[in-house]
Amino acid sequence: MVFCSDSEEILSGVLVLWPGDGLFLAEEHLKEFANAYSISENYLKHEIPLAKNLLQKESQPHASLVLFLSFIAPYKS
């Protein structure tokens, strides 16, 4: 199966949103994903460290993307 470059960027971005991935929240891998959704790189530079800090304080590991998204949902503003 062949994906267009936009699809590859989105899939790669989703992968680094998975808490079990070694590149979890790696900014360099989220840039193209963010661009596909019109999110500025400057915004990412501020939000990624906040998300990492929040997750470090959490005692429960987030084994799946669904659990991670459920955890961060209250902080979406």
N, C-alpha and C. Protein backbone atom coordinates (compact mmCIF):
# COMPACT_ATOMS: atom_id res chain seq x y z
N MET A 1 0.84 -1.17 0.00
CA MET A 1 0.00 0.00 0.00
C MET A 1 0.90 1.24 0.00
N VAL A 2 0.55 2.21 -0.80
CA VAL A 2 1.33 3.44 -0.91
C VAL A 2 0.51 4.58 -0.31
N PHE A 3 1.17 5.35 0.54
CA PHE A 3 0.52 6.51 1.15
C PHE A 3 1.10 7.78 0.54
N CYS A 4 0.29 8.82 0.48
CA CYS A 4 0.82 10.11 0.05
C CYS A 4 1.66 10.67 1.20
N SER A 5 2.48 11.64 0.92
CA SER A 5 3.40 12.17 1.93
C SER A 5 2.64 12.74 3.13
N ASP A 6 1.48 13.35 2.91
CA ASP A 6 0.69 13.87 4.03
C ASP A 6 0.25 12.75 4.96
N SER A 7 -0.17 11.64 4.38
CA SER A 7 -0.60 10.50 5.19
C SER A 7 0.55 9.95 6.01
N GLU A 8 1.73 9.85 5.42
CA GLU A 8 2.90 9.36 6.14
C GLU A 8 3.23 10.27 7.32
N GLU A 9 3.15 11.58 7.12
CA GLU A 9 3.44 12.52 8.19
C GLU A 9 2.43 12.39 9.32
N ILE A 10 1.17 12.22 8.98
CA ILE A 10 0.13 12.07 9.99
C ILE A 10 0.31 10.76 10.75
N LEU A 11 0.57 9.68 10.05
CA LEU A 11 0.78 8.39 10.71
C LEU A 11 2.02 8.43 11.61
N SER A 12 3.07 9.06 11.14
CA SER A 12 4.29 9.19 11.95
C SER A 12 4.01 10.02 13.19
N GLY A 13 3.22 11.08 13.04
CA GLY A 13 2.85 11.92 14.18
C GLY A 13 2.01 11.19 15.19
N VAL A 14 1.10 10.36 14.72
CA VAL A 14 0.26 9.57 15.62
C VAL A 14 1.12 8.59 16.41
N LEU A 15 2.12 8.01 15.76
CA LEU A 15 2.99 7.05 16.43
C LEU A 15 3.70 7.69 17.62
N VAL A 16 4.20 8.91 17.48
CA VAL A 16 4.91 9.53 18.60
C VAL A 16 3.97 10.07 19.67
N LEU A 17 2.67 9.95 19.44
CA LEU A 17 1.69 10.27 20.48
C LEU A 17 1.36 9.04 21.33
N TRP A 18 1.87 7.88 20.92
CA TRP A 18 1.65 6.66 21.67
C TRP A 18 2.65 6.61 22.82
N PRO A 19 2.18 6.58 24.05
CA PRO A 19 3.08 6.61 25.22
C PRO A 19 4.12 5.50 25.26
N GLY A 20 3.87 4.38 24.60
CA GLY A 20 4.82 3.29 24.62
C GLY A 20 5.94 3.42 23.60
N ASP A 21 5.88 4.43 22.75
CA ASP A 21 6.90 4.61 21.72
C ASP A 21 8.13 5.29 22.29
N GLY A 22 9.29 4.88 21.86
CA GLY A 22 10.54 5.48 22.32
C GLY A 22 10.69 6.94 21.94
N LEU A 23 9.95 7.37 20.94
CA LEU A 23 10.00 8.77 20.50
C LEU A 23 8.79 9.57 21.00
N PHE A 24 8.15 9.08 22.05
CA PHE A 24 6.95 9.72 22.57
C PHE A 24 7.14 11.23 22.76
N LEU A 25 6.29 12.00 22.12
CA LEU A 25 6.28 13.46 22.15
C LEU A 25 7.58 14.10 21.67
N ALA A 26 8.29 13.42 20.78
CA ALA A 26 9.51 13.98 20.21
C ALA A 26 9.13 15.10 19.25
N GLU A 27 9.55 16.31 19.59
CA GLU A 27 9.15 17.49 18.83
C GLU A 27 9.49 17.38 17.35
N GLU A 28 10.67 16.90 17.04
CA GLU A 28 11.09 16.84 15.63
C GLU A 28 10.19 15.92 14.80
N HIS A 29 9.56 14.95 15.44
CA HIS A 29 8.67 14.03 14.73
C HIS A 29 7.23 14.52 14.72
N LEU A 30 6.93 15.51 15.52
CA LEU A 30 5.57 16.06 15.56
C LEU A 30 5.39 17.27 14.65
N LYS A 31 6.47 17.85 14.16
CA LYS A 31 6.37 19.08 13.38
C LYS A 31 5.50 18.92 12.13
N GLU A 32 5.77 17.90 11.34
CA GLU A 32 4.99 17.70 10.11
C GLU A 32 3.54 17.35 10.42
N PHE A 33 3.35 16.57 11.46
CA PHE A 33 2.01 16.22 11.92
C PHE A 33 1.25 17.50 12.30
N ALA A 34 1.91 18.36 13.06
CA ALA A 34 1.30 19.61 13.49
C ALA A 34 0.99 20.50 12.29
N ASN A 35 1.91 20.55 11.34
CA ASN A 35 1.68 21.36 10.14
C ASN A 35 0.46 20.87 9.36
N ALA A 36 0.25 19.56 9.33
CA ALA A 36 -0.91 19.00 8.61
C ALA A 36 -2.22 19.48 9.23
N TYR A 37 -2.18 19.81 10.53
CA TYR A 37 -3.37 20.29 11.23
C TYR A 37 -3.30 21.78 11.56
N SER A 38 -2.41 22.47 10.88
CA SER A 38 -2.25 23.94 11.03
C SER A 38 -1.95 24.35 12.47
N ILE A 39 -1.10 23.58 13.13
CA ILE A 39 -0.64 23.92 14.48
C ILE A 39 0.77 24.46 14.35
N SER A 40 1.02 25.61 14.91
CA SER A 40 2.32 26.24 14.74
C SER A 40 3.41 25.50 15.52
N GLU A 41 4.61 25.50 14.95
CA GLU A 41 5.74 24.88 15.62
C GLU A 41 6.05 25.61 16.93
N ASN A 42 5.82 26.90 16.98
CA ASN A 42 6.03 27.67 18.20
C ASN A 42 5.12 27.17 19.32
N TYR A 43 3.88 26.88 18.97
CA TYR A 43 2.93 26.34 19.94
C TYR A 43 3.43 25.00 20.48
N LEU A 44 3.92 24.15 19.58
CA LEU A 44 4.46 22.85 19.98
C LEU A 44 5.61 23.00 20.97
N LYS A 45 6.49 23.96 20.71
CA LYS A 45 7.66 24.17 21.58
C LYS A 45 7.26 24.49 23.00
N HIS A 46 6.10 25.08 23.18
CA HIS A 46 5.61 25.42 24.52
C HIS A 46 4.78 24.29 25.14
N GLU A 47 3.99 23.63 24.33
CA GLU A 47 3.07 22.63 24.84
C GLU A 47 3.72 21.28 25.14
N ILE A 48 4.68 20.86 24.35
CA ILE A 48 5.31 19.55 24.56
C ILE A 48 5.98 19.46 25.93
N PRO A 49 6.80 20.43 26.33
CA PRO A 49 7.39 20.34 27.67
C PRO A 49 6.34 20.33 28.79
N LEU A 50 5.26 21.08 28.61
CA LEU A 50 4.19 21.07 29.61
C LEU A 50 3.54 19.70 29.71
N ALA A 51 3.30 19.08 28.56
CA ALA A 51 2.69 17.74 28.56
C ALA A 51 3.61 16.72 29.20
N LYS A 52 4.90 16.79 28.88
CA LYS A 52 5.86 15.86 29.48
C LYS A 52 5.93 16.04 30.99
N ASN A 53 5.93 17.28 31.44
CA ASN A 53 5.98 17.57 32.87
C ASN A 53 4.73 17.04 33.57
N LEU A 54 3.59 17.24 32.97
CA LEU A 54 2.33 16.75 33.51
C LEU A 54 2.34 15.23 33.63
N LEU A 55 2.84 14.57 32.61
CA LEU A 55 2.88 13.11 32.61
C LEU A 55 3.88 12.55 33.63
N GLN A 56 4.96 13.27 33.88
CA GLN A 56 5.93 12.81 34.87
C GLN A 56 5.34 12.82 36.27
N LYS A 57 4.41 13.71 36.52
CA LYS A 57 3.77 13.82 37.83
C LYS A 57 2.69 12.77 38.02
N GLU A 58 2.23 12.17 36.93
CA GLU A 58 1.16 11.19 36.98
C GLU A 58 1.72 9.82 37.39
N SER A 59 1.07 9.19 38.34
CA SER A 59 1.55 7.90 38.83
C SER A 59 1.14 6.73 37.94
N GLN A 60 0.07 6.88 37.17
CA GLN A 60 -0.41 5.81 36.31
C GLN A 60 0.27 5.90 34.94
N PRO A 61 0.89 4.83 34.47
CA PRO A 61 1.44 4.86 33.12
C PRO A 61 0.30 4.84 32.09
N HIS A 62 0.51 5.46 30.98
CA HIS A 62 -0.49 5.54 29.92
C HIS A 62 -0.08 4.59 28.80
N ALA A 63 -0.61 3.39 28.86
CA ALA A 63 -0.18 2.32 27.97
C ALA A 63 -0.76 2.41 26.56
N SER A 64 -1.72 3.28 26.35
CA SER A 64 -2.30 3.37 25.02
C SER A 64 -2.60 4.83 24.68
N LEU A 65 -2.78 5.08 23.41
CA LEU A 65 -3.11 6.42 22.94
C LEU A 65 -4.46 6.85 23.51
N VAL A 66 -5.41 5.94 23.60
CA VAL A 66 -6.74 6.26 24.13
C VAL A 66 -6.64 6.70 25.59
N LEU A 67 -5.87 5.97 26.39
CA LEU A 67 -5.69 6.36 27.80
C LEU A 67 -4.98 7.70 27.92
N PHE A 68 -3.98 7.91 27.08
CA PHE A 68 -3.26 9.18 27.08
C PHE A 68 -4.19 10.34 26.73
N LEU A 69 -4.99 10.16 25.69
CA LEU A 69 -5.93 11.21 25.29
C LEU A 69 -6.99 11.46 26.35
N SER A 70 -7.44 10.41 26.99
CA SER A 70 -8.41 10.56 28.09
C SER A 70 -7.80 11.33 29.24
N PHE A 71 -6.53 11.08 29.51
CA PHE A 71 -5.84 11.76 30.60
C PHE A 71 -5.67 13.25 30.32
N ILE A 72 -5.30 13.61 29.08
CA ILE A 72 -5.03 15.02 28.79
C ILE A 72 -6.28 15.81 28.40
N ALA A 73 -7.40 15.15 28.15
CA ALA A 73 -8.63 15.83 27.74
C ALA A 73 -9.03 17.00 28.64
N PRO A 74 -8.96 16.86 29.97
CA PRO A 74 -9.34 17.99 30.83
C PRO A 74 -8.42 19.21 30.70
N TYR A 75 -7.25 19.03 30.11
CA TYR A 75 -6.28 20.13 29.98
C TYR A 75 -6.28 20.76 28.59
N LYS A 76 -7.27 20.45 27.77
CA LYS A 76 -7.27 20.88 26.38
C LYS A 76 -7.29 22.40 26.19
N SER A 77 -7.74 23.13 27.16
CA SER A 77 -7.76 24.59 27.00
C SER A 77 -6.39 25.15 27.17
